[in-house]
Amino acid sequence: MNNTETVKCLIIGSGPAGYTAAIYASRANLNPVLYEGIQPGGQLTTTTKIENFPGYPDGIDGFAMMEDFRKQAARFGADIRSGIATSSDLTSRPFKVTIDGEKVVEAETLIIATGATAKYLGLADEQKYAGMGVSACATCDGFFYRKKTVAVVGGGDTACEEALYLSTLANQVYMIVRKPFLRASKIMQEKVLNAPNIKILFKHNTVGLFGENGVEGARLVKNIGEPDEEKVDIAIDGFFLAIGHTPNTVAFKKWIYTDAQDYIITEKGTSKTNIPGVFAAGDVADPDYRQAITAAAGGCRAALDAERFLMTL
């Protein structure tokens, strides 16, 4: 039995980038096939309410918004399927992408919209309170913590940026830093240290969270493993992870140029990768913004770039 098919435009990954690419590619008669990946709808499906995406004046549940995106793509004819890209061969066109380790799809153009996965500490409580006080995006969820108390985990530039952003909204921001110093750049350290409502808890490790109907506090250990080890509980309303993201590039990394953090490198102002006919959109190629609207814009750009590429053949 032949387990291979050939398509004009293959999109790997869902979320704002993948679904938007599918909408535009469908309307351009590229007959796109989209594989939704490990988390259909992407990271937004774990967000309870989105209030910063244009067109939703009252906000919208993240899962519901991604369902709207999906339905719109399907309405224009996108072939949306379940499946994960497990490997690829991008040495020549048509590009070969293996789905779930079995089926091979050959594609004239490929749009990679696999997103990035936020790094977590690995605590069971992070899952328990997902959408109930635990977040990996301050600019997405910070608004809900106006005049409240929050904690940010991490000591790098990202953690400092998140803490500074939250300090403009929350009354009190704790930075939980496991080392006795910040890894952030000098200028970011100075900004954090000079912020009156940011308190840095050096040499603290988070071991758990607590609360009845959401996060009400964090359980910390100070000087873990040392003679003066001490258990510390802090009262908080929100717990923000800022220890980095992992771009989902494993299936393509052998062929595609990536930066030191594995984000796909694209030609400035476009979605073009180092391989003609292969495009990248959304968080997988965006270490800086990581917003739903920028991901959607990237998906639009990738579909238009794919259409133009095919017209030149």
C-alpha atoms as a PDB file:
ATOM      1  CA  MET A   1       0.000   0.000   0.000  1.00  0.00           C
ATOM      2  CA  ASN A   2       1.393   3.421  -0.975  1.00  0.00           C
ATOM      3  CA  ASN A   3       1.544   5.572   2.156  1.00  0.00           C
ATOM      4  CA  THR A   4       2.741   8.700   0.353  1.00  0.00           C
ATOM      5  CA  GLU A   5       0.784  11.639  -1.052  1.00  0.00           C
ATOM      6  CA  THR A   6       1.813  14.871  -2.760  1.00  0.00           C
ATOM      7  CA  VAL A   7       0.343  18.270  -1.858  1.00  0.00           C
ATOM      8  CA  LYS A   8       0.866  21.797  -3.088  1.00  0.00           C
ATOM      9  CA  CYS A   9       1.146  23.397   0.363  1.00  0.00           C
ATOM     10  CA  LEU A  10       1.807  21.568   3.611  1.00  0.00           C
ATOM     11  CA  ILE A  11       1.387  23.375   6.932  1.00  0.00           C
ATOM     12  CA  ILE A  12       2.800  21.829  10.077  1.00  0.00           C
ATOM     13  CA  GLY A  13       1.346  23.173  13.303  1.00  0.00           C
ATOM     14  CA  SER A  14      -1.851  24.897  14.325  1.00  0.00           C
ATOM     15  CA  GLY A  15      -2.381  27.909  16.556  1.00  0.00           C
ATOM     16  CA  PRO A  16      -2.724  31.452  15.163  1.00  0.00           C
ATOM     17  CA  ALA A  17       0.167  31.025  12.699  1.00  0.00           C
ATOM     18  CA  GLY A  18      -0.841  27.670  11.244  1.00  0.00           C
ATOM     19  CA  TYR A  19      -4.542  28.359  11.005  1.00  0.00           C
ATOM     20  CA  THR A  20      -4.023  31.810   9.489  1.00  0.00           C
ATOM     21  CA  ALA A  21      -1.621  30.351   6.948  1.00  0.00           C
ATOM     22  CA  ALA A  22      -4.311  27.792   6.106  1.00  0.00           C
ATOM     23  CA  ILE A  23      -6.943  30.528   5.649  1.00  0.00           C
ATOM     24  CA  TYR A  24      -4.777  32.495   3.235  1.00  0.00           C
ATOM     25  CA  ALA A  25      -3.433  29.446   1.413  1.00  0.00           C
ATOM     26  CA  SER A  26      -6.957  28.094   0.934  1.00  0.00           C
ATOM     27  CA  ARG A  27      -8.194  31.373  -0.497  1.00  0.00           C
ATOM     28  CA  ALA A  28      -5.241  31.323  -2.907  1.00  0.00           C
ATOM     29  CA  ASN A  29      -6.302  27.867  -4.139  1.00  0.00           C
ATOM     30  CA  LEU A  30      -3.182  26.186  -2.786  1.00  0.00           C
ATOM     31  CA  ASN A  31      -5.338  23.383  -1.311  1.00  0.00           C
ATOM     32  CA  PRO A  32      -3.330  23.300   1.920  1.00  0.00           C
ATOM     33  CA  VAL A  33      -3.055  20.282   4.151  1.00  0.00           C
ATOM     34  CA  LEU A  34      -2.501  21.177   7.801  1.00  0.00           C
ATOM     35  CA  TYR A  35      -1.334  18.817  10.529  1.00  0.00           C
ATOM     36  CA  GLU A  36      -2.276  20.183  13.930  1.00  0.00           C
ATOM     37  CA  GLY A  37       0.639  18.806  15.902  1.00  0.00           C
ATOM     38  CA  ILE A  38       0.964  17.787  19.522  1.00  0.00           C
ATOM     39  CA  GLN A  39      -1.291  20.587  20.839  1.00  0.00           C
ATOM     40  CA  PRO A  40      -4.101  21.464  18.420  1.00  0.00           C
ATOM     41  CA  GLY A  41      -4.677  25.189  18.674  1.00  0.00           C
ATOM     42  CA  GLY A  42      -1.273  25.798  20.229  1.00  0.00           C
ATOM     43  CA  GLN A  43      -0.428  27.465  23.529  1.00  0.00           C
ATOM     44  CA  LEU A  44      -3.494  29.704  23.420  1.00  0.00           C
ATOM     45  CA  THR A  45      -5.730  26.742  24.207  1.00  0.00           C
ATOM     46  CA  THR A  46      -4.283  26.807  27.736  1.00  0.00           C
ATOM     47  CA  THR A  47      -5.161  30.504  28.222  1.00  0.00           C
ATOM     48  CA  THR A  48      -8.469  31.139  29.909  1.00  0.00           C
ATOM     49  CA  LYS A  49      -9.181  34.590  28.499  1.00  0.00           C
ATOM     50  CA  ILE A  50      -7.554  36.691  25.770  1.00  0.00           C
ATOM     51  CA  GLU A  51      -8.260  40.421  25.900  1.00  0.00           C
ATOM     52  CA  ASN A  52      -5.539  41.848  23.648  1.00  0.00           C
ATOM     53  CA  PHE A  53      -6.503  40.364  20.283  1.00  0.00           C
ATOM     54  CA  PRO A  54      -8.332  42.895  18.064  1.00  0.00           C
ATOM     55  CA  GLY A  55     -11.942  42.122  17.277  1.00  0.00           C
ATOM     56  CA  TYR A  56     -12.911  40.699  20.658  1.00  0.00           C
ATOM     57  CA  PRO A  57     -13.946  43.747  22.736  1.00  0.00           C
ATOM     58  CA  ASP A  58     -15.162  41.591  25.617  1.00  0.00           C
ATOM     59  CA  GLY A  59     -12.279  39.144  25.429  1.00  0.00           C
ATOM     60  CA  ILE A  60     -12.505  35.505  24.459  1.00  0.00           C
ATOM     61  CA  ASP A  61     -11.488  32.133  25.830  1.00  0.00           C
ATOM     62  CA  GLY A  62      -8.251  30.989  24.172  1.00  0.00           C
ATOM     63  CA  PHE A  63      -9.657  27.594  23.207  1.00  0.00           C
ATOM     64  CA  ALA A  64     -12.774  29.210  21.724  1.00  0.00           C
ATOM     65  CA  MET A  65     -10.705  31.646  19.679  1.00  0.00           C
ATOM     66  CA  MET A  66      -8.608  28.848  18.215  1.00  0.00           C
ATOM     67  CA  GLU A  67     -11.792  26.969  17.359  1.00  0.00           C
ATOM     68  CA  ASP A  68     -12.940  30.057  15.441  1.00  0.00           C
ATOM     69  CA  PHE A  69      -9.629  30.156  13.560  1.00  0.00           C
ATOM     70  CA  ARG A  70      -9.897  26.450  12.774  1.00  0.00           C
ATOM     71  CA  LYS A  71     -13.479  26.698  11.518  1.00  0.00           C
ATOM     72  CA  GLN A  72     -12.578  29.627   9.288  1.00  0.00           C
ATOM     73  CA  ALA A  73      -9.689  27.689   7.730  1.00  0.00           C
ATOM     74  CA  ALA A  74     -11.922  24.659   7.203  1.00  0.00           C
ATOM     75  CA  ARG A  75     -14.643  26.824   5.676  1.00  0.00           C
ATOM     76  CA  PHE A  76     -12.277  27.878   2.896  1.00  0.00           C
ATOM     77  CA  GLY A  77     -11.294  24.296   2.225  1.00  0.00           C
ATOM     78  CA  ALA A  78      -8.188  23.625   4.298  1.00  0.00           C
ATOM     79  CA  ASP A  79      -7.655  19.908   4.906  1.00  0.00           C
ATOM     80  CA  ILE A  80      -7.036  19.872   8.671  1.00  0.00           C
ATOM     81  CA  ARG A  81      -5.717  16.641  10.138  1.00  0.00           C
ATOM     82  CA  SER A  82      -4.432  15.219  13.388  1.00  0.00           C
ATOM     83  CA  GLY A  83      -0.781  14.266  13.364  1.00  0.00           C
ATOM     84  CA  ILE A  84       2.734  15.220  14.359  1.00  0.00           C
ATOM     85  CA  ALA A  85       5.693  15.776  12.053  1.00  0.00           C
ATOM     86  CA  THR A  86       8.355  13.397  13.313  1.00  0.00           C
ATOM     87  CA  SER A  87      11.056  13.824  10.654  1.00  0.00           C
ATOM     88  CA  SER A  88      11.704  15.436   7.298  1.00  0.00           C
ATOM     89  CA  ASP A  89      13.873  15.414   4.202  1.00  0.00           C
ATOM     90  CA  LEU A  90      14.223  18.894   2.776  1.00  0.00           C
ATOM     91  CA  THR A  91      17.122  18.205   0.426  1.00  0.00           C
ATOM     92  CA  SER A  92      14.969  18.751  -2.662  1.00  0.00           C
ATOM     93  CA  ARG A  93      11.435  19.488  -3.789  1.00  0.00           C
ATOM     94  CA  PRO A  94       8.973  18.048  -3.295  1.00  0.00           C
ATOM     95  CA  PHE A  95       9.893  18.145   0.400  1.00  0.00           C
ATOM     96  CA  LYS A  96       9.205  14.996   2.356  1.00  0.00           C
ATOM     97  CA  VAL A  97       7.688  15.193   5.821  1.00  0.00           C
ATOM     98  CA  THR A  98       6.961  12.073   7.845  1.00  0.00           C
ATOM     99  CA  ILE A  99       3.829  12.202   9.990  1.00  0.00           C
ATOM    100  CA  ASP A 100       3.594  10.129  13.177  1.00  0.00           C
ATOM    101  CA  GLY A 101       6.630   8.118  12.072  1.00  0.00           C
ATOM    102  CA  GLU A 102       4.630   6.438   9.285  1.00  0.00           C
ATOM    103  CA  LYS A 103       2.962   8.481   6.567  1.00  0.00           C
ATOM    104  CA  VAL A 104       5.141  10.503   4.179  1.00  0.00           C
ATOM    105  CA  VAL A 105       3.692  13.693   2.706  1.00  0.00           C
ATOM    106  CA  GLU A 106       5.474  15.272  -0.248  1.00  0.00           C
ATOM    107  CA  ALA A 107       4.995  19.016  -0.533  1.00  0.00           C
ATOM    108  CA  GLU A 108       5.754  21.624  -3.167  1.00  0.00           C
ATOM    109  CA  THR A 109       5.861  24.223  -0.385  1.00  0.00           C
ATOM    110  CA  LEU A 110       6.173  23.790   3.365  1.00  0.00           C
ATOM    111  CA  ILE A 111       5.095  26.166   6.134  1.00  0.00           C
ATOM    112  CA  ILE A 112       6.515  25.402   9.558  1.00  0.00           C
ATOM    113  CA  ALA A 113       4.261  26.801  12.292  1.00  0.00           C
ATOM    114  CA  THR A 114       5.094  24.420  15.112  1.00  0.00           C
ATOM    115  CA  GLY A 115       5.372  27.078  17.808  1.00  0.00           C
ATOM    116  CA  ALA A 116       7.470  27.065  20.935  1.00  0.00           C
ATOM    117  CA  THR A 117       6.874  25.344  24.253  1.00  0.00           C
ATOM    118  CA  ALA A 118       7.278  27.295  27.477  1.00  0.00           C
ATOM    119  CA  LYS A 119       9.678  25.736  29.947  1.00  0.00           C
ATOM    120  CA  TYR A 120       8.183  24.800  33.292  1.00  0.00           C
ATOM    121  CA  LEU A 121       9.723  23.739  36.575  1.00  0.00           C
ATOM    122  CA  GLY A 122       8.080  20.332  36.382  1.00  0.00           C
ATOM    123  CA  LEU A 123       5.904  20.736  39.465  1.00  0.00           C
ATOM    124  CA  ALA A 124       2.558  18.954  39.591  1.00  0.00           C
ATOM    125  CA  ASP A 125       1.022  22.189  40.889  1.00  0.00           C
ATOM    126  CA  GLU A 126       1.872  23.952  37.634  1.00  0.00           C
ATOM    127  CA  GLN A 127      -0.611  21.691  35.869  1.00  0.00           C
ATOM    128  CA  LYS A 128      -3.083  21.814  38.740  1.00  0.00           C
ATOM    129  CA  TYR A 129      -3.294  25.606  38.570  1.00  0.00           C
ATOM    130  CA  ALA A 130      -2.926  26.017  34.807  1.00  0.00           C
ATOM    131  CA  GLY A 131      -5.193  28.900  33.846  1.00  0.00           C
ATOM    132  CA  MET A 132      -5.884  29.501  37.546  1.00  0.00           C
ATOM    133  CA  GLY A 133      -2.893  31.631  38.412  1.00  0.00           C
ATOM    134  CA  VAL A 134      -0.057  29.934  36.538  1.00  0.00           C
ATOM    135  CA  SER A 135       1.103  31.610  33.335  1.00  0.00           C
ATOM    136  CA  ALA A 136       4.120  31.673  31.029  1.00  0.00           C
ATOM    137  CA  CYS A 137       3.264  35.018  29.423  1.00  0.00           C
ATOM    138  CA  ALA A 138       3.116  38.271  31.392  1.00  0.00           C
ATOM    139  CA  THR A 139       1.997  40.376  28.429  1.00  0.00           C
ATOM    140  CA  CYS A 140      -0.833  37.894  27.803  1.00  0.00           C
ATOM    141  CA  ASP A 141      -2.133  37.589  31.343  1.00  0.00           C
ATOM    142  CA  GLY A 142      -0.650  40.435  33.372  1.00  0.00           C
ATOM    143  CA  PHE A 143      -3.772  42.574  33.043  1.00  0.00           C
ATOM    144  CA  PHE A 144      -5.677  40.150  35.275  1.00  0.00           C
ATOM    145  CA  TYR A 145      -3.308  40.905  38.163  1.00  0.00           C
ATOM    146  CA  ARG A 146      -3.743  44.656  38.446  1.00  0.00           C
ATOM    147  CA  LYS A 147      -3.186  45.788  42.042  1.00  0.00           C
ATOM    148  CA  LYS A 148      -2.375  42.208  43.073  1.00  0.00           C
ATOM    149  CA  THR A 149       0.748  40.302  44.123  1.00  0.00           C
ATOM    150  CA  VAL A 150       2.605  38.082  41.673  1.00  0.00           C
ATOM    151  CA  ALA A 151       5.822  36.104  41.431  1.00  0.00           C
ATOM    152  CA  VAL A 152       8.145  35.633  38.459  1.00  0.00           C
ATOM    153  CA  VAL A 153      10.476  32.635  38.289  1.00  0.00           C
ATOM    154  CA  GLY A 154      13.809  33.203  36.590  1.00  0.00           C
ATOM    155  CA  GLY A 155      16.897  35.393  36.683  1.00  0.00           C
ATOM    156  CA  GLY A 156      17.647  36.169  33.029  1.00  0.00           C
ATOM    157  CA  ASP A 157      16.665  39.031  30.744  1.00  0.00           C
ATOM    158  CA  THR A 158      13.261  37.504  30.012  1.00  0.00           C
ATOM    159  CA  ALA A 159      12.439  37.203  33.708  1.00  0.00           C
ATOM    160  CA  CYS A 160      13.520  40.793  34.308  1.00  0.00           C
ATOM    161  CA  GLU A 161      11.419  42.022  31.384  1.00  0.00           C
ATOM    162  CA  GLU A 162       8.394  40.113  32.669  1.00  0.00           C
ATOM    163  CA  ALA A 163       8.905  41.411  36.207  1.00  0.00           C
ATOM    164  CA  LEU A 164       9.270  45.006  35.014  1.00  0.00           C
ATOM    165  CA  TYR A 165       6.132  44.714  32.880  1.00  0.00           C
ATOM    166  CA  LEU A 166       4.169  43.239  35.774  1.00  0.00           C
ATOM    167  CA  SER A 167       5.482  45.937  38.122  1.00  0.00           C
ATOM    168  CA  THR A 168       3.462  48.487  36.131  1.00  0.00           C
ATOM    169  CA  LEU A 169       0.284  46.547  36.900  1.00  0.00           C
ATOM    170  CA  ALA A 170       0.710  44.671  40.176  1.00  0.00           C
ATOM    171  CA  ASN A 171       1.228  46.120  43.628  1.00  0.00           C
ATOM    172  CA  GLN A 172       4.028  43.697  44.443  1.00  0.00           C
ATOM    173  CA  VAL A 173       6.259  41.520  42.263  1.00  0.00           C
ATOM    174  CA  TYR A 174       8.538  38.841  43.664  1.00  0.00           C
ATOM    175  CA  MET A 175      11.358  37.462  41.540  1.00  0.00           C
ATOM    176  CA  ILE A 176      12.224  33.914  42.564  1.00  0.00           C
ATOM    177  CA  VAL A 177      15.858  33.307  41.612  1.00  0.00           C
ATOM    178  CA  ARG A 178      17.582  30.036  42.462  1.00  0.00           C
ATOM    179  CA  LYS A 179      21.066  31.492  42.135  1.00  0.00           C
ATOM    180  CA  PRO A 180      22.621  34.203  44.364  1.00  0.00           C
ATOM    181  CA  PHE A 181      22.738  36.555  41.376  1.00  0.00           C
ATOM    182  CA  LEU A 182      20.815  37.614  38.258  1.00  0.00           C
ATOM    183  CA  ARG A 183      21.963  36.319  34.876  1.00  0.00           C
ATOM    184  CA  ALA A 184      20.388  39.254  33.096  1.00  0.00           C
ATOM    185  CA  SER A 185      22.302  42.014  31.342  1.00  0.00           C
ATOM    186  CA  LYS A 186      23.636  44.839  33.499  1.00  0.00           C
ATOM    187  CA  ILE A 187      21.043  47.346  32.333  1.00  0.00           C
ATOM    188  CA  MET A 188      18.151  44.949  33.034  1.00  0.00           C
ATOM    189  CA  GLN A 189      19.540  44.185  36.492  1.00  0.00           C
ATOM    190  CA  GLU A 190      19.705  47.888  37.296  1.00  0.00           C
ATOM    191  CA  LYS A 191      16.111  48.453  36.171  1.00  0.00           C
ATOM    192  CA  VAL A 192      14.837  45.599  38.320  1.00  0.00           C
ATOM    193  CA  LEU A 193      16.871  46.581  41.357  1.00  0.00           C
ATOM    194  CA  ASN A 194      15.589  50.156  41.085  1.00  0.00           C
ATOM    195  CA  ALA A 195      11.924  49.172  40.766  1.00  0.00           C
ATOM    196  CA  PRO A 196      10.320  49.951  44.149  1.00  0.00           C
ATOM    197  CA  ASN A 197       7.723  47.163  43.996  1.00  0.00           C
ATOM    198  CA  ILE A 198      10.009  44.342  42.816  1.00  0.00           C
ATOM    199  CA  LYS A 199      11.585  42.187  45.507  1.00  0.00           C
ATOM    200  CA  ILE A 200      14.211  39.637  44.467  1.00  0.00           C
ATOM    201  CA  LEU A 201      14.345  36.410  46.450  1.00  0.00           C
ATOM    202  CA  PHE A 202      17.843  35.108  45.752  1.00  0.00           C
ATOM    203  CA  LYS A 203      18.739  31.460  46.411  1.00  0.00           C
ATOM    204  CA  HIS A 204      15.077  30.438  46.540  1.00  0.00           C
ATOM    205  CA  ASN A 205      13.588  27.394  44.809  1.00  0.00           C
ATOM    206  CA  THR A 206       9.880  26.879  44.232  1.00  0.00           C
ATOM    207  CA  VAL A 207       8.716  23.490  45.504  1.00  0.00           C
ATOM    208  CA  GLY A 208       4.960  23.953  45.263  1.00  0.00           C
ATOM    209  CA  LEU A 209       1.922  26.197  45.015  1.00  0.00           C
ATOM    210  CA  PHE A 210      -1.214  26.345  47.138  1.00  0.00           C
ATOM    211  CA  GLY A 211      -4.726  27.768  47.030  1.00  0.00           C
ATOM    212  CA  GLU A 212      -8.361  26.741  47.078  1.00  0.00           C
ATOM    213  CA  ASN A 213      -9.796  28.006  43.771  1.00  0.00           C
ATOM    214  CA  GLY A 214      -6.553  29.220  42.249  1.00  0.00           C
ATOM    215  CA  VAL A 215      -3.063  30.206  43.236  1.00  0.00           C
ATOM    216  CA  GLU A 216      -2.932  31.864  46.652  1.00  0.00           C
ATOM    217  CA  GLY A 217       0.715  31.302  47.450  1.00  0.00           C
ATOM    218  CA  ALA A 218       4.005  29.629  46.634  1.00  0.00           C
ATOM    219  CA  ARG A 219       6.049  27.284  48.763  1.00  0.00           C
ATOM    220  CA  LEU A 220       9.746  28.053  48.543  1.00  0.00           C
ATOM    221  CA  VAL A 221      12.958  26.697  49.982  1.00  0.00           C
ATOM    222  CA  LYS A 222      15.747  29.166  50.725  1.00  0.00           C
ATOM    223  CA  ASN A 223      19.376  27.995  50.571  1.00  0.00           C
ATOM    224  CA  ILE A 224      18.315  24.523  49.467  1.00  0.00           C
ATOM    225  CA  GLY A 225      20.793  21.802  50.409  1.00  0.00           C
ATOM    226  CA  GLU A 226      22.713  24.075  52.776  1.00  0.00           C
ATOM    227  CA  PRO A 227      22.892  23.938  56.603  1.00  0.00           C
ATOM    228  CA  ASP A 228      20.705  27.023  56.898  1.00  0.00           C
ATOM    229  CA  GLU A 229      18.028  25.674  54.535  1.00  0.00           C
ATOM    230  CA  GLU A 230      14.699  27.303  55.303  1.00  0.00           C
ATOM    231  CA  LYS A 231      11.118  26.789  54.131  1.00  0.00           C
ATOM    232  CA  VAL A 232       9.346  29.986  53.108  1.00  0.00           C
ATOM    233  CA  ASP A 233       5.742  30.557  52.018  1.00  0.00           C
ATOM    234  CA  ILE A 234       4.770  33.720  50.150  1.00  0.00           C
ATOM    235  CA  ALA A 235       1.244  34.928  49.446  1.00  0.00           C
ATOM    236  CA  ILE A 236       0.695  35.578  45.724  1.00  0.00           C
ATOM    237  CA  ASP A 237      -2.181  35.757  43.263  1.00  0.00           C
ATOM    238  CA  GLY A 238      -0.232  34.854  40.124  1.00  0.00           C
ATOM    239  CA  PHE A 239       2.809  32.705  39.320  1.00  0.00           C
ATOM    240  CA  PHE A 240       4.685  33.500  36.093  1.00  0.00           C
ATOM    241  CA  LEU A 241       7.274  31.214  34.501  1.00  0.00           C
ATOM    242  CA  ALA A 242      10.077  33.112  32.730  1.00  0.00           C
ATOM    243  CA  ILE A 243      12.746  30.474  32.318  1.00  0.00           C
ATOM    244  CA  GLY A 244      12.599  30.339  28.551  1.00  0.00           C
ATOM    245  CA  HIS A 245      10.874  28.634  25.635  1.00  0.00           C
ATOM    246  CA  THR A 246      11.883  25.681  23.481  1.00  0.00           C
ATOM    247  CA  PRO A 247      11.066  26.125  19.765  1.00  0.00           C
ATOM    248  CA  ASN A 248       9.530  22.968  18.296  1.00  0.00           C
ATOM    249  CA  THR A 249      12.086  22.485  15.528  1.00  0.00           C
ATOM    250  CA  VAL A 250      13.323  18.938  16.103  1.00  0.00           C
ATOM    251  CA  ALA A 251      11.791  17.487  12.919  1.00  0.00           C
ATOM    252  CA  PHE A 252      13.393  20.159  10.722  1.00  0.00           C
ATOM    253  CA  LYS A 253      16.596  21.229  12.490  1.00  0.00           C
ATOM    254  CA  LYS A 254      18.828  19.077  10.318  1.00  0.00           C
ATOM    255  CA  TRP A 255      17.977  21.218   7.284  1.00  0.00           C
ATOM    256  CA  ILE A 256      16.831  24.619   8.499  1.00  0.00           C
ATOM    257  CA  TYR A 257      19.114  27.340   9.847  1.00  0.00           C
ATOM    258  CA  THR A 258      18.347  28.145  13.477  1.00  0.00           C
ATOM    259  CA  ASP A 259      19.840  30.501  16.022  1.00  0.00           C
ATOM    260  CA  ALA A 260      21.583  29.555  19.280  1.00  0.00           C
ATOM    261  CA  GLN A 261      18.206  28.960  20.966  1.00  0.00           C
ATOM    262  CA  ASP A 262      16.916  26.844  18.031  1.00  0.00           C
ATOM    263  CA  TYR A 263      14.498  29.473  16.689  1.00  0.00           C
ATOM    264  CA  ILE A 264      14.214  29.269  12.894  1.00  0.00           C
ATOM    265  CA  ILE A 265      16.049  32.074  11.133  1.00  0.00           C
ATOM    266  CA  THR A 266      14.027  33.815   8.430  1.00  0.00           C
ATOM    267  CA  GLU A 267      14.996  36.404   5.857  1.00  0.00           C
ATOM    268  CA  LYS A 268      14.268  39.842   7.288  1.00  0.00           C
ATOM    269  CA  GLY A 269      10.748  41.010   6.546  1.00  0.00           C
ATOM    270  CA  THR A 270       9.677  37.640   5.151  1.00  0.00           C
ATOM    271  CA  SER A 271       8.911  34.097   6.250  1.00  0.00           C
ATOM    272  CA  LYS A 272      11.615  32.646   3.968  1.00  0.00           C
ATOM    273  CA  THR A 273      14.087  30.179   5.443  1.00  0.00           C
ATOM    274  CA  ASN A 274      17.434  29.147   3.985  1.00  0.00           C
ATOM    275  CA  ILE A 275      15.616  26.608   1.795  1.00  0.00           C
ATOM    276  CA  PRO A 276      13.564  28.064  -1.102  1.00  0.00           C
ATOM    277  CA  GLY A 277       9.972  26.895  -0.766  1.00  0.00           C
ATOM    278  CA  VAL A 278      10.183  26.370   3.012  1.00  0.00           C
ATOM    279  CA  PHE A 279       8.692  29.083   5.204  1.00  0.00           C
ATOM    280  CA  ALA A 280       8.353  29.598   8.955  1.00  0.00           C
ATOM    281  CA  ALA A 281       5.690  31.459  10.917  1.00  0.00           C
ATOM    282  CA  GLY A 282       4.764  32.189  14.499  1.00  0.00           C
ATOM    283  CA  ASP A 283       6.635  31.487  17.709  1.00  0.00           C
ATOM    284  CA  VAL A 284       8.912  28.895  16.107  1.00  0.00           C
ATOM    285  CA  ALA A 285      10.639  31.803  14.364  1.00  0.00           C
ATOM    286  CA  ASP A 286       9.949  34.568  16.893  1.00  0.00           C
ATOM    287  CA  PRO A 287      12.028  34.757  20.079  1.00  0.00           C
ATOM    288  CA  ASP A 288      11.043  38.374  20.708  1.00  0.00           C
ATOM    289  CA  TYR A 289       7.278  38.949  20.625  1.00  0.00           C
ATOM    290  CA  ARG A 290       5.493  35.576  20.973  1.00  0.00           C
ATOM    291  CA  GLN A 291       2.007  37.085  20.685  1.00  0.00           C
ATOM    292  CA  ALA A 292      -1.084  35.661  19.035  1.00  0.00           C
ATOM    293  CA  ILE A 293      -1.418  38.622  16.689  1.00  0.00           C
ATOM    294  CA  THR A 294       2.214  38.512  15.536  1.00  0.00           C
ATOM    295  CA  ALA A 295       1.888  34.767  14.997  1.00  0.00           C
ATOM    296  CA  ALA A 296      -1.254  35.278  12.910  1.00  0.00           C
ATOM    297  CA  ALA A 297       0.528  37.957  10.882  1.00  0.00           C
ATOM    298  CA  GLY A 298       3.398  35.531  10.337  1.00  0.00           C
ATOM    299  CA  GLY A 299       0.987  32.884   9.086  1.00  0.00           C
ATOM    300  CA  CYS A 300      -0.459  35.371   6.588  1.00  0.00           C
ATOM    301  CA  ARG A 301       3.036  36.284   5.413  1.00  0.00           C
ATOM    302  CA  ALA A 302       4.046  32.630   5.020  1.00  0.00           C
ATOM    303  CA  ALA A 303       1.000  31.764   2.900  1.00  0.00           C
ATOM    304  CA  LEU A 304       1.554  34.766   0.637  1.00  0.00           C
ATOM    305  CA  ASP A 305       5.244  33.908   0.328  1.00  0.00           C
ATOM    306  CA  ALA A 306       4.334  30.315  -0.569  1.00  0.00           C
ATOM    307  CA  GLU A 307       1.827  31.505  -3.192  1.00  0.00           C
ATOM    308  CA  ARG A 308       4.408  33.818  -4.775  1.00  0.00           C
ATOM    309  CA  PHE A 309       7.032  31.085  -4.734  1.00  0.00           C
ATOM    310  CA  LEU A 310       4.744  28.695  -6.607  1.00  0.00           C
ATOM    311  CA  MET A 311       3.932  31.374  -9.184  1.00  0.00           C
ATOM    312  CA  THR A 312       7.628  31.640 -10.099  1.00  0.00           C
ATOM    313  CA  LEU A 313       8.013  27.954 -10.919  1.00  0.00           C
END
